[in-house]
Amino acid sequence: MYYDKSTIITEGFSGRYKVIRPLGTGGMGRVFLVEDRESGRKYAMKVMAADERGMREAEYLEKADAVSGVPKLIRWEKRNHCIFLVMEYVKGKSLKEYMKRKRKPGKWKILWWSILLCEILRKLHGLKPPVICLDLKPEHVRITPGGDIYLIDFGISAYEKEPLSGYGTKGFAAPEQIRENSGADVRMDIYSFGRILAFCRGNRRWKELNPIISKCTAEVPGARYSSMEILGKTLKKAVVRRFGRWAAAAAAGILLSVGLTGGIRQTVPASRQAAGSTKEEIREYLFGGRDCLPDYIMAAQCLEERKETDKETRRYERILNALEHPEKVKSWKQIWKDLRENPRPELYEACFLSKVYLSREKELNSFGNPAEKAWNLTNRYRDHKGLDSRWMKIVDEERFQAAAQLARQGDGTYLYHLAREELDRTASGEEGWSRYRRLVIFVEGEGRDASGYYEAFLQKFPDWEEAYVEYGVYLCRKGRWKEAGEVYRRGEKETGMEGTKARSLKEKLGI
C-alpha cells in the first residue's frame, strides 16, 4: 500500500499535522517529518496499514516509553485503512551513513556506540514481556549530532517466545529467525548485534572485538551470549584491554548515562585518569559524581587492586557485595550497620545507599524499615538544587521506588506526596502525563483506588484528553459505568474527545 502526503492531510488526526517532507520508506510504511499546527513542534509520523503488525508497533513503543534511546510515541490513531504513529523526531544520521564516510569512526567511538546500543537492548529485553527487536541493522541505529544513540523501527518486533513469520534482513537476521514458527528469543538480537559489530569492524584488525563477534554470531543460539547484560560487561572489558581503565570509566559510567538522559559527555574526571586505585577513585566508581555515573564493575576491580584494607575500604566492599553479590554477605546485620554509618551522606553516596536498601529489603527488614531509610536519604535532594538532569532523574527514581515499597506496606502517603509534587512542577499536560501516569499505573496495579490521582491531574490540566480516556477505561474495568460516563462527558466538554481511544471508550459506554 502506498501512503503519500495527501493521506496525512486528509486522514491523519483530522489534518492537525502539516507535512514538511518524507523521511524514509520501508516495507511496513512511510515516515514523514511533520509539524503540529497547534504547537509548532516537529515530529516523525509513520503511516502504515491498519493490520496487526501496525497495531503491535504502536504497542511496543508505548511499552518502551521509559527506555531512553527509543523514540517516544506522542500519540497514535487508527483511521480507515491506516495507522498513524506520531513519534519524537530524532535528528542525525544512521550508523550506515557514518560508516560510508571516507573517514570512518575510530575504534574508541565504535566501542562507545556499541555499549550504548547494548544498554538500549538490555532495557527492551528487560520489559515484561521482553520486546525482541528482530530487525537490528545499521540503518536502524541513529546517531544524533550530540552523540546520542537511538534505535528506530519496530515493524517486525515481537514479544519473547512469540512464533515468528520468517521476516528479517538478510545478513543481519539470525539463521533461526528466518525459519517460520521459530519463537522470538533475545539471542536473535544478540546475533544481529554481532553482525553490526562486524559491519563496523570491516577489514580492520581488531583482536579485542573478534572473539566477541564470533560468540555473538555463533550458528547455534546456545553458543551465543545469553543476555545483553553479559555482552555489555564483555564489551567493557574489551575497552579496558584496548584503552585502559580510565576509558572504561567513560564507556561504562558516563556512556551508560544514556539510560537516564540519552546524552554523552566526552570528559573523564582527572582522578579517573590517574594510575592506582585511590580511595577517591573507588568512591567515584562506587557512587558516581558530577561528571559520571557509578560503575560497579570498575569499583570491584579497584577494590580488588587496593592493597590497603582500612575500615572504610572494607565497608565499601561489603556494601557493594550486598548489592551485586548477596551470596557473599556473611552478616546482614553488619550490612545494616554499614549502611547507617554515615547519617548525612552527600547526594551520590545517598543514592547508592538508597539503591542497596531497596534492592535488599527482604534481607534487611528484620533490622528496621529499609524503604523508609531510602526515602529519608534521597528526600533531602527533592528540590534538585545544583543537580544536572541525570542526577535529577536518579533522585526521582529512588524516591519513587521507596514510595512504592512503602505503599506496598500499606502507607500510601509518600506516593500521594510524589503525585502532588509532580503536578506542582509540571507546566503542561503533555509534559506531565507520561511521568504522572506511571504513578497512576502503580496505584492501579496495587489494587488501590486511583480515582483521586486522576481527579488531581484533571483539576490542573482539564484539557488533556488522554487522561479522561484512561480514567474512563479504568472506571469501566472497575464496573463503575455511571462514573465512567460522567468522566467521558466532562472530557467531551473540555476536549471534544475526538481521538481513536476516545471513540472506542464512547462505543464501550454506549453513548
Protein backbone atom coordinates (compact mmCIF):
# COMPACT_ATOMS: atom_id res chain seq x y z
CA MET A 1 0.00 0.00 0.00
CA TYR A 2 1.31 3.48 -0.89
CA TYR A 3 0.97 6.39 1.53
CA ASP A 4 1.62 9.92 0.34
CA LYS A 5 1.37 13.44 1.71
CA SER A 6 -2.36 13.63 1.00
CA THR A 7 -3.02 10.59 3.20
CA ILE A 8 -1.87 12.54 6.25
CA ILE A 9 -3.53 15.81 5.28
CA THR A 10 -6.93 14.23 4.63
CA GLU A 11 -6.99 11.38 7.15
CA GLY A 12 -4.41 11.59 9.93
CA PHE A 13 -5.59 13.34 13.12
CA SER A 14 -8.11 15.48 11.21
CA GLY A 15 -5.38 17.45 9.45
CA ARG A 16 -3.65 18.50 12.68
CA TYR A 17 -0.19 17.92 11.21
CA LYS A 18 1.48 19.73 8.34
CA VAL A 19 3.80 17.55 6.24
CA ILE A 20 7.26 19.04 5.75
CA ARG A 21 9.00 16.25 3.83
CA PRO A 22 9.32 12.45 3.57
CA LEU A 23 11.97 10.89 5.80
CA GLY A 24 12.02 7.34 4.53
CA THR A 25 10.16 4.34 3.16
CA GLY A 26 10.24 0.77 4.43
CA GLY A 27 8.44 -2.49 3.93
CA MET A 28 5.91 -1.58 6.62
CA GLY A 29 5.09 2.02 5.65
CA ARG A 30 6.39 5.55 5.11
CA VAL A 31 7.77 8.10 7.57
CA PHE A 32 7.27 11.85 7.23
CA LEU A 33 8.62 14.88 9.06
CA VAL A 34 5.52 16.77 10.23
CA GLU A 35 4.75 19.91 12.19
CA ASP A 36 1.98 20.21 14.76
CA ARG A 37 -0.16 23.15 13.59
CA GLU A 38 -1.12 23.91 17.20
CA SER A 39 2.27 23.87 18.95
CA GLY A 40 4.68 24.27 16.03
CA ARG A 41 6.68 21.26 17.22
CA LYS A 42 8.20 18.85 14.71
CA TYR A 43 7.62 15.10 14.88
CA ALA A 44 8.16 11.98 12.80
CA MET A 45 4.90 10.41 11.61
CA LYS A 46 4.82 6.83 10.42
CA VAL A 47 1.89 5.79 8.22
CA MET A 48 1.20 2.11 7.64
CA ALA A 49 -1.52 -0.41 7.01
CA ALA A 50 -4.07 -0.88 9.78
CA ASP A 51 -3.16 -4.53 10.28
CA GLU A 52 -1.99 -6.43 13.35
CA ARG A 53 1.67 -5.59 12.73
CA GLY A 54 0.94 -1.86 12.67
CA MET A 55 -1.07 -2.09 15.89
CA ARG A 56 1.73 -4.03 17.54
CA GLU A 57 4.36 -1.43 16.65
CA ALA A 58 2.28 1.19 18.49
CA GLU A 59 2.02 -1.21 21.43
CA TYR A 60 5.80 -1.79 21.57
CA LEU A 61 6.52 1.94 21.50
CA GLU A 62 4.04 2.56 24.31
CA LYS A 63 5.62 -0.22 26.37
CA ALA A 64 9.12 1.19 25.75
CA ASP A 65 8.12 4.70 26.83
CA ALA A 66 10.63 4.72 29.71
CA VAL A 67 13.52 3.31 27.64
CA SER A 68 16.00 6.02 26.66
CA GLY A 69 17.23 5.52 23.13
CA VAL A 70 13.79 4.58 21.75
CA PRO A 71 11.80 7.43 20.13
CA LYS A 72 8.87 8.45 22.32
CA LEU A 73 5.40 7.76 20.94
CA ILE A 74 3.46 11.02 21.28
CA ARG A 75 0.10 9.75 20.05
CA TRP A 76 -1.38 7.35 17.54
CA GLU A 77 -4.69 6.60 15.89
CA LYS A 78 -6.29 4.12 13.53
CA ARG A 79 -8.44 5.65 10.83
CA ASN A 80 -9.99 3.83 7.87
CA HIS A 81 -7.21 1.69 6.34
CA CYS A 82 -4.26 3.42 8.01
CA ILE A 83 -2.45 3.64 11.33
CA PHE A 84 -0.71 6.92 12.14
CA LEU A 85 2.11 6.98 14.71
CA VAL A 86 3.35 10.40 15.83
CA MET A 87 6.81 9.99 17.36
CA GLU A 88 9.71 12.01 18.66
CA TYR A 89 11.77 13.23 15.70
CA VAL A 90 15.38 12.05 16.02
CA LYS A 91 17.82 14.25 14.12
CA GLY A 92 21.10 12.85 12.89
CA LYS A 93 22.46 10.10 10.65
CA SER A 94 22.25 6.34 10.64
CA LEU A 95 25.19 4.15 11.59
CA LYS A 96 25.29 3.00 7.97
CA GLU A 97 25.75 6.60 6.80
CA TYR A 98 28.58 7.13 9.30
CA MET A 99 30.39 4.00 8.15
CA LYS A 100 30.11 5.06 4.47
CA ARG A 101 32.15 8.19 5.14
CA LYS A 102 35.67 8.35 3.74
CA ARG A 103 36.99 8.97 7.24
CA LYS A 104 35.37 6.22 9.26
CA PRO A 105 34.79 6.39 13.05
CA GLY A 106 37.71 5.13 15.14
CA LYS A 107 37.75 2.04 17.33
CA TRP A 108 37.05 4.02 20.50
CA LYS A 109 33.92 5.59 19.05
CA ILE A 110 32.64 2.25 17.72
CA LEU A 111 33.04 0.63 21.14
CA TRP A 112 31.40 3.68 22.68
CA TRP A 113 28.37 3.38 20.41
CA SER A 114 28.23 -0.40 20.87
CA ILE A 115 27.96 -0.13 24.65
CA LEU A 116 25.17 2.42 24.29
CA LEU A 117 23.23 0.24 21.85
CA CYS A 118 23.75 -2.77 24.11
CA GLU A 119 22.22 -0.83 27.02
CA ILE A 120 19.12 0.11 24.99
CA LEU A 121 18.61 -3.53 24.03
CA ARG A 122 19.19 -4.69 27.61
CA LYS A 123 16.32 -2.47 28.75
CA LEU A 124 14.00 -3.61 25.94
CA HIS A 125 14.74 -7.23 26.83
CA GLY A 126 14.05 -6.37 30.47
CA LEU A 127 10.47 -5.25 29.79
CA LYS A 128 7.61 -7.53 30.80
CA PRO A 129 7.15 -9.31 28.49
CA PRO A 130 10.55 -8.76 26.82
CA VAL A 131 10.46 -6.99 23.44
CA ILE A 132 12.74 -8.59 20.84
CA CYS A 133 13.65 -6.15 18.03
CA LEU A 134 14.37 -8.69 15.25
CA ASP A 135 15.42 -6.02 12.72
CA LEU A 136 18.72 -4.73 14.09
CA LYS A 137 20.84 -3.30 11.30
CA PRO A 138 22.98 -0.19 10.73
CA GLU A 139 20.11 1.69 9.05
CA HIS A 140 18.03 1.40 12.23
CA VAL A 141 20.72 2.73 14.58
CA ARG A 142 20.54 6.52 14.58
CA ILE A 143 23.22 8.84 15.98
CA THR A 144 22.26 12.42 16.82
CA PRO A 145 24.56 15.45 16.37
CA GLY A 146 25.05 15.42 20.15
CA GLY A 147 26.24 11.80 20.12
CA ASP A 148 23.09 10.09 21.44
CA ILE A 149 22.16 6.65 20.11
CA TYR A 150 18.59 5.75 19.12
CA LEU A 151 17.10 2.50 17.91
CA ILE A 152 14.30 3.03 15.41
CA ASP A 153 11.73 0.87 13.59
CA PHE A 154 9.93 -1.89 15.48
CA GLY A 155 7.89 -3.01 12.48
CA ILE A 156 8.67 -6.74 12.82
CA SER A 157 9.41 -6.88 16.55
CA ALA A 158 7.79 -9.49 18.78
CA TYR A 159 7.44 -10.46 22.40
CA GLU A 160 9.75 -13.19 23.66
CA LYS A 161 8.68 -16.73 22.66
CA GLU A 162 6.07 -15.49 20.15
CA PRO A 163 6.08 -17.54 16.92
CA LEU A 164 7.67 -15.66 14.01
CA SER A 165 6.73 -15.44 10.34
CA GLY A 166 10.21 -15.67 8.85
CA TYR A 167 10.84 -11.93 8.45
CA GLY A 168 14.29 -10.37 8.81
CA THR A 169 17.07 -8.61 6.92
CA LYS A 170 19.47 -10.92 5.12
CA GLY A 171 22.97 -10.65 6.54
CA PHE A 172 21.76 -9.39 9.92
CA ALA A 173 18.91 -11.70 10.96
CA ALA A 174 19.82 -14.85 12.89
CA PRO A 175 19.53 -18.10 10.87
CA GLU A 176 16.74 -19.46 13.09
CA GLN A 177 14.79 -16.19 12.76
CA ILE A 178 14.25 -16.77 9.04
CA ARG A 179 12.55 -20.10 9.71
CA GLU A 180 8.80 -19.77 10.19
CA ASN A 181 7.30 -20.63 13.59
CA SER A 182 10.58 -20.05 15.44
CA GLY A 183 9.97 -18.42 18.82
CA ALA A 184 11.36 -14.90 19.33
CA ASP A 185 14.48 -15.06 21.51
CA VAL A 186 16.91 -12.46 22.90
CA ARG A 187 19.75 -14.38 21.24
CA MET A 188 18.35 -13.39 17.85
CA ASP A 189 19.05 -9.75 18.71
CA ILE A 190 22.48 -10.75 20.04
CA TYR A 191 23.27 -12.35 16.67
CA SER A 192 22.20 -9.19 14.82
CA PHE A 193 24.22 -7.08 17.27
CA GLY A 194 27.29 -9.15 16.38
CA ARG A 195 26.64 -8.61 12.69
CA ILE A 196 26.50 -4.84 13.32
CA LEU A 197 29.87 -5.06 15.13
CA ALA A 198 31.30 -6.97 12.16
CA PHE A 199 29.92 -4.32 9.79
CA CYS A 200 31.66 -1.59 11.82
CA ARG A 201 34.93 -3.53 12.05
CA GLY A 202 35.11 -4.01 8.31
CA ASN A 203 38.53 -5.23 7.19
CA ARG A 204 40.39 -3.75 10.16
CA ARG A 205 42.38 -5.94 12.52
CA TRP A 206 40.83 -5.83 15.94
CA LYS A 207 41.83 -8.61 18.29
CA GLU A 208 39.67 -7.35 21.20
CA LEU A 209 36.48 -7.39 19.11
CA ASN A 210 36.94 -10.55 17.04
CA PRO A 211 36.06 -13.09 19.79
CA ILE A 212 33.02 -11.03 20.79
CA ILE A 213 31.75 -11.01 17.21
CA SER A 214 32.35 -14.75 16.88
CA LYS A 215 30.42 -15.55 20.05
CA CYS A 216 27.53 -13.21 19.13
CA THR A 217 27.16 -14.72 15.67
CA ALA A 218 27.53 -18.41 16.53
CA GLU A 219 25.25 -20.54 14.36
CA VAL A 220 23.85 -22.37 17.39
CA PRO A 221 21.86 -19.98 19.65
CA GLY A 222 23.08 -21.75 22.79
CA ALA A 223 26.69 -20.86 21.94
CA ARG A 224 25.96 -17.10 21.93
CA TYR A 225 25.90 -14.72 24.89
CA SER A 226 22.76 -15.44 26.88
CA SER A 227 21.86 -11.80 27.58
CA MET A 228 22.69 -8.22 26.67
CA GLU A 229 23.84 -7.67 30.25
CA ILE A 230 26.61 -10.26 29.90
CA LEU A 231 27.51 -8.94 26.45
CA GLY A 232 27.72 -5.39 27.85
CA LYS A 233 30.14 -6.47 30.58
CA THR A 234 32.29 -8.19 27.96
CA LEU A 235 32.38 -5.02 25.85
CA LYS A 236 33.51 -3.01 28.89
CA LYS A 237 36.35 -5.47 29.45
CA ALA A 238 37.34 -5.01 25.80
CA VAL A 239 37.54 -1.27 26.45
CA VAL A 240 39.83 -1.91 29.45
CA ARG A 241 42.14 -4.12 27.38
CA ARG A 242 42.28 -1.70 24.47
CA PHE A 243 42.28 1.73 26.11
CA GLY A 244 42.87 1.28 29.84
CA ARG A 245 40.74 1.67 32.95
CA TRP A 246 40.08 5.41 32.60
CA ALA A 247 38.46 4.77 29.22
CA ALA A 248 36.32 2.02 30.71
CA ALA A 249 35.08 4.55 33.23
CA ALA A 250 33.91 6.75 30.39
CA ALA A 251 32.35 3.88 28.47
CA ALA A 252 30.74 2.17 31.44
CA GLY A 253 29.94 5.09 33.69
CA ILE A 254 29.40 8.17 31.56
CA LEU A 255 28.19 6.40 28.46
CA LEU A 256 25.59 4.34 30.21
CA SER A 257 24.04 7.56 31.43
CA VAL A 258 22.06 7.18 28.20
CA GLY A 259 19.72 5.13 30.35
CA LEU A 260 18.90 8.34 32.16
CA THR A 261 19.37 11.20 29.73
CA GLY A 262 20.43 9.95 26.30
CA GLY A 263 23.44 12.27 26.49
CA ILE A 264 27.14 11.53 26.22
CA ARG A 265 29.97 13.60 27.63
CA GLN A 266 33.46 13.04 26.32
CA THR A 267 35.09 14.03 29.62
CA VAL A 268 36.63 11.88 32.32
CA PRO A 269 37.35 13.15 35.83
CA ALA A 270 41.04 13.80 36.43
CA SER A 271 41.10 11.35 39.32
CA ARG A 272 39.99 8.57 36.98
CA GLN A 273 42.92 9.20 34.67
CA ALA A 274 45.45 8.72 37.43
CA ALA A 275 47.15 5.38 37.94
CA GLY A 276 46.40 3.35 41.03
CA SER A 277 43.20 2.67 42.92
CA THR A 278 43.00 5.57 45.34
CA LYS A 279 40.18 5.75 47.84
CA GLU A 280 38.74 8.74 45.98
CA GLU A 281 38.78 6.74 42.74
CA ILE A 282 36.89 3.92 44.43
CA ARG A 283 34.30 6.39 45.70
CA GLU A 284 33.79 7.84 42.22
CA TYR A 285 33.27 4.42 40.68
CA LEU A 286 31.01 3.31 43.52
CA PHE A 287 28.88 6.44 43.93
CA GLY A 288 29.42 8.42 40.72
CA GLY A 289 29.81 12.19 40.70
CA ARG A 290 29.04 15.41 38.87
CA ASP A 291 30.64 14.22 35.61
CA CYS A 292 29.96 10.49 35.76
CA LEU A 293 27.61 7.77 36.90
CA PRO A 294 28.53 4.74 39.03
CA ASP A 295 30.30 1.75 37.52
CA TYR A 296 30.22 -1.24 39.87
CA ILE A 297 32.43 -3.42 37.67
CA MET A 298 35.25 -0.88 37.84
CA ALA A 299 34.60 -0.28 41.55
CA ALA A 300 35.02 -4.00 42.24
CA GLN A 301 38.22 -4.09 40.20
CA CYS A 302 39.65 -1.11 42.12
CA LEU A 303 38.71 -2.65 45.48
CA GLU A 304 40.43 -5.86 44.44
CA GLU A 305 43.58 -3.97 43.38
CA ARG A 306 43.78 -1.82 46.51
CA LYS A 307 46.26 -3.36 48.92
CA GLU A 308 45.26 -1.22 51.90
CA THR A 309 42.32 -2.71 53.75
CA ASP A 310 41.35 0.14 56.04
CA LYS A 311 37.97 0.28 57.76
CA GLU A 312 36.31 2.47 55.11
CA THR A 313 37.50 0.37 52.18
CA ARG A 314 36.25 -2.83 53.83
CA ARG A 315 32.89 -1.11 54.39
CA TYR A 316 32.64 -0.19 50.70
CA GLU A 317 33.47 -3.76 49.70
CA ARG A 318 30.81 -5.23 51.99
CA ILE A 319 28.11 -2.85 50.74
CA LEU A 320 28.98 -3.48 47.08
CA ASN A 321 28.78 -7.23 47.70
CA ALA A 322 25.36 -6.74 49.30
CA LEU A 323 24.17 -5.07 46.10
CA GLU A 324 25.93 -7.16 43.45
CA HIS A 325 26.78 -10.49 45.16
CA PRO A 326 24.42 -11.08 48.11
CA GLU A 327 25.60 -14.69 48.33
CA LYS A 328 28.94 -13.35 49.62
CA VAL A 329 27.37 -11.49 52.56
CA LYS A 330 28.31 -13.07 55.89
CA SER A 331 26.17 -10.86 58.14
CA TRP A 332 23.20 -8.73 57.04
CA LYS A 333 23.25 -7.13 60.47
CA GLN A 334 26.72 -5.82 59.62
CA ILE A 335 25.41 -4.51 56.28
CA TRP A 336 22.60 -2.66 58.12
CA LYS A 337 25.26 -1.09 60.34
CA ASP A 338 27.44 -0.21 57.33
CA LEU A 339 24.53 1.49 55.56
CA ARG A 340 23.78 3.68 58.58
CA GLU A 341 27.37 4.59 59.45
CA ASN A 342 27.24 7.94 57.64
CA PRO A 343 23.94 9.58 58.75
CA ARG A 344 24.11 12.52 56.29
CA PRO A 345 25.88 11.35 53.13
CA GLU A 346 26.33 13.60 50.11
CA LEU A 347 23.99 13.13 47.15
CA TYR A 348 25.96 10.49 45.24
CA GLU A 349 26.52 8.25 48.23
CA ALA A 350 22.90 8.74 49.35
CA CYS A 351 21.60 7.43 46.01
CA PHE A 352 23.92 4.42 46.20
CA LEU A 353 22.87 3.56 49.76
CA SER A 354 19.21 4.01 48.79
CA LYS A 355 19.65 1.50 45.97
CA VAL A 356 21.09 -1.05 48.40
CA TYR A 357 18.29 -0.53 50.93
CA LEU A 358 15.63 -1.02 48.24
CA SER A 359 17.33 -3.92 46.45
CA ARG A 360 17.89 -5.88 49.66
CA GLU A 361 14.70 -5.02 51.54
CA LYS A 362 13.91 -8.68 52.20
CA GLU A 363 17.30 -9.36 53.80
CA LEU A 364 17.32 -6.12 55.84
CA ASN A 365 13.73 -5.70 57.05
CA SER A 366 14.33 -7.57 60.32
CA PHE A 367 16.59 -4.68 61.44
CA GLY A 368 14.27 -1.79 60.50
CA ASN A 369 12.39 -0.36 57.52
CA PRO A 370 14.75 -0.17 54.50
CA ALA A 371 12.24 1.69 52.31
CA GLU A 372 11.82 4.41 54.92
CA LYS A 373 15.60 4.73 55.22
CA ALA A 374 15.90 5.04 51.42
CA TRP A 375 13.19 7.72 51.34
CA ASN A 376 14.86 9.76 54.08
CA LEU A 377 18.23 9.58 52.32
CA THR A 378 17.04 10.86 48.94
CA ASN A 379 14.18 13.12 50.02
CA ARG A 380 16.74 15.70 51.15
CA TYR A 381 17.55 16.29 47.47
CA ARG A 382 13.95 16.55 46.22
CA ASP A 383 14.30 20.23 45.22
CA HIS A 384 17.05 19.30 42.70
CA LYS A 385 19.17 22.34 43.64
CA GLY A 386 22.51 22.19 41.85
CA LEU A 387 21.74 18.86 40.13
CA ASP A 388 22.12 18.14 36.43
CA SER A 389 19.32 16.32 34.60
CA ARG A 390 20.91 12.86 35.04
CA TRP A 391 21.04 13.08 38.80
CA MET A 392 17.59 14.67 38.98
CA LYS A 393 16.21 11.54 37.34
CA ILE A 394 18.20 9.25 39.62
CA VAL A 395 16.89 11.04 42.72
CA ASP A 396 13.33 10.92 41.37
CA GLU A 397 13.62 7.20 40.58
CA GLU A 398 14.99 6.32 44.03
CA ARG A 399 12.22 8.33 45.72
CA PHE A 400 9.56 6.65 43.57
CA GLN A 401 10.88 3.17 44.36
CA ALA A 402 10.98 3.97 48.08
CA ALA A 403 7.44 5.40 48.00
CA ALA A 404 6.24 2.34 46.04
CA GLN A 405 7.67 -0.08 48.60
CA LEU A 406 6.14 1.93 51.45
CA ALA A 407 2.79 1.85 49.64
CA ARG A 408 3.03 -1.94 49.41
CA GLN A 409 3.49 -1.92 53.17
CA GLY A 410 0.20 -0.03 53.49
CA ASP A 411 1.39 3.59 53.71
CA GLY A 412 0.32 5.43 50.55
CA THR A 413 1.08 8.95 51.83
CA TYR A 414 4.56 9.02 50.29
CA LEU A 415 3.20 8.12 46.86
CA TYR A 416 0.45 10.71 47.06
CA HIS A 417 3.07 13.27 48.12
CA LEU A 418 5.05 12.46 44.94
CA ALA A 419 1.92 12.87 42.81
CA ARG A 420 1.20 16.34 44.23
CA GLU A 421 4.85 17.30 43.79
CA GLU A 422 4.79 16.15 40.16
CA LEU A 423 1.74 18.29 39.44
CA ASP A 424 3.27 21.33 41.12
CA ARG A 425 6.37 21.28 38.93
CA THR A 426 4.73 20.32 35.62
CA ALA A 427 3.87 23.07 33.15
CA SER A 428 1.74 21.20 30.59
CA GLY A 429 -0.44 18.12 30.31
CA GLU A 430 1.68 16.63 27.53
CA GLU A 431 4.86 17.05 29.55
CA GLY A 432 3.39 15.79 32.80
CA TRP A 433 1.10 12.93 31.83
CA SER A 434 3.80 10.42 30.84
CA ARG A 435 5.53 10.80 34.22
CA TYR A 436 2.34 11.11 36.28
CA ARG A 437 0.80 8.11 34.51
CA ARG A 438 3.48 5.88 35.99
CA LEU A 439 2.23 6.70 39.48
CA VAL A 440 -1.36 6.01 38.45
CA ILE A 441 -0.45 2.66 36.86
CA PHE A 442 1.35 1.61 40.04
CA VAL A 443 -1.63 2.56 42.23
CA GLU A 444 -3.97 0.60 39.95
CA GLY A 445 -1.63 -2.40 39.93
CA GLU A 446 -1.66 -2.48 43.73
CA GLY A 447 -5.47 -2.70 43.71
CA ARG A 448 -5.92 0.75 45.25
CA ASP A 449 -8.49 3.33 44.17
CA ALA A 450 -6.78 5.55 41.58
CA SER A 451 -9.70 7.98 41.17
CA GLY A 452 -8.13 10.64 43.37
CA TYR A 453 -4.97 10.62 41.27
CA TYR A 454 -6.90 11.05 38.01
CA GLU A 455 -9.03 13.81 39.51
CA ALA A 456 -5.97 15.68 40.79
CA PHE A 457 -4.38 15.61 37.33
CA LEU A 458 -7.55 16.74 35.55
CA GLN A 459 -8.07 19.52 38.05
CA LYS A 460 -4.79 21.05 36.90
CA PHE A 461 -4.97 20.01 33.23
CA PRO A 462 -8.69 19.87 32.32
CA ASP A 463 -7.88 19.97 28.58
CA TRP A 464 -5.81 16.74 28.43
CA GLU A 465 -7.92 14.20 26.53
CA GLU A 466 -5.77 11.14 27.18
CA ALA A 467 -6.25 11.44 30.95
CA TYR A 468 -10.06 11.45 30.57
CA VAL A 469 -9.87 8.39 28.32
CA GLU A 470 -7.65 6.38 30.68
CA TYR A 471 -9.73 7.45 33.67
CA GLY A 472 -12.89 6.29 31.90
CA VAL A 473 -11.31 2.97 30.91
CA TYR A 474 -10.15 2.46 34.50
CA LEU A 475 -13.67 3.05 35.83
CA CYS A 476 -15.09 0.61 33.25
CA ARG A 477 -12.66 -2.08 34.42
CA LYS A 478 -13.90 -1.49 37.95
CA GLY A 479 -17.53 -1.81 36.84
CA ARG A 480 -18.23 1.85 37.69
CA TRP A 481 -20.03 2.51 34.42
CA LYS A 482 -22.07 5.50 35.51
CA GLU A 483 -18.96 7.33 36.76
CA ALA A 484 -17.14 6.41 33.54
CA GLY A 485 -19.93 8.01 31.51
CA GLU A 486 -19.72 11.17 33.60
CA VAL A 487 -15.95 11.35 33.08
CA TYR A 488 -16.41 10.89 29.32
CA ARG A 489 -18.92 13.74 29.15
CA ARG A 490 -16.60 16.01 31.12
CA GLY A 491 -13.83 15.18 28.69
CA GLU A 492 -16.10 15.78 25.71
CA LYS A 493 -16.99 19.21 27.05
CA GLU A 494 -13.35 20.16 27.68
CA THR A 495 -11.51 18.50 24.77
CA GLY A 496 -14.02 17.20 22.21
CA MET A 497 -12.82 13.59 22.75
CA GLU A 498 -12.01 13.12 19.04
CA GLY A 499 -9.14 10.60 19.20
CA THR A 500 -9.36 6.89 18.38
CA LYS A 501 -9.17 5.80 22.01
CA ALA A 502 -11.86 8.30 22.99
CA ARG A 503 -14.17 6.97 20.27
CA SER A 504 -13.55 3.40 21.48
CA LEU A 505 -14.47 4.43 25.02
CA LYS A 506 -17.63 6.10 23.73
CA GLU A 507 -18.67 2.88 21.96
CA LYS A 508 -17.95 0.83 25.08
CA LEU A 509 -20.14 3.15 27.14
CA GLY A 510 -22.92 3.11 24.55
CA ILE A 511 -23.06 6.89 24.41
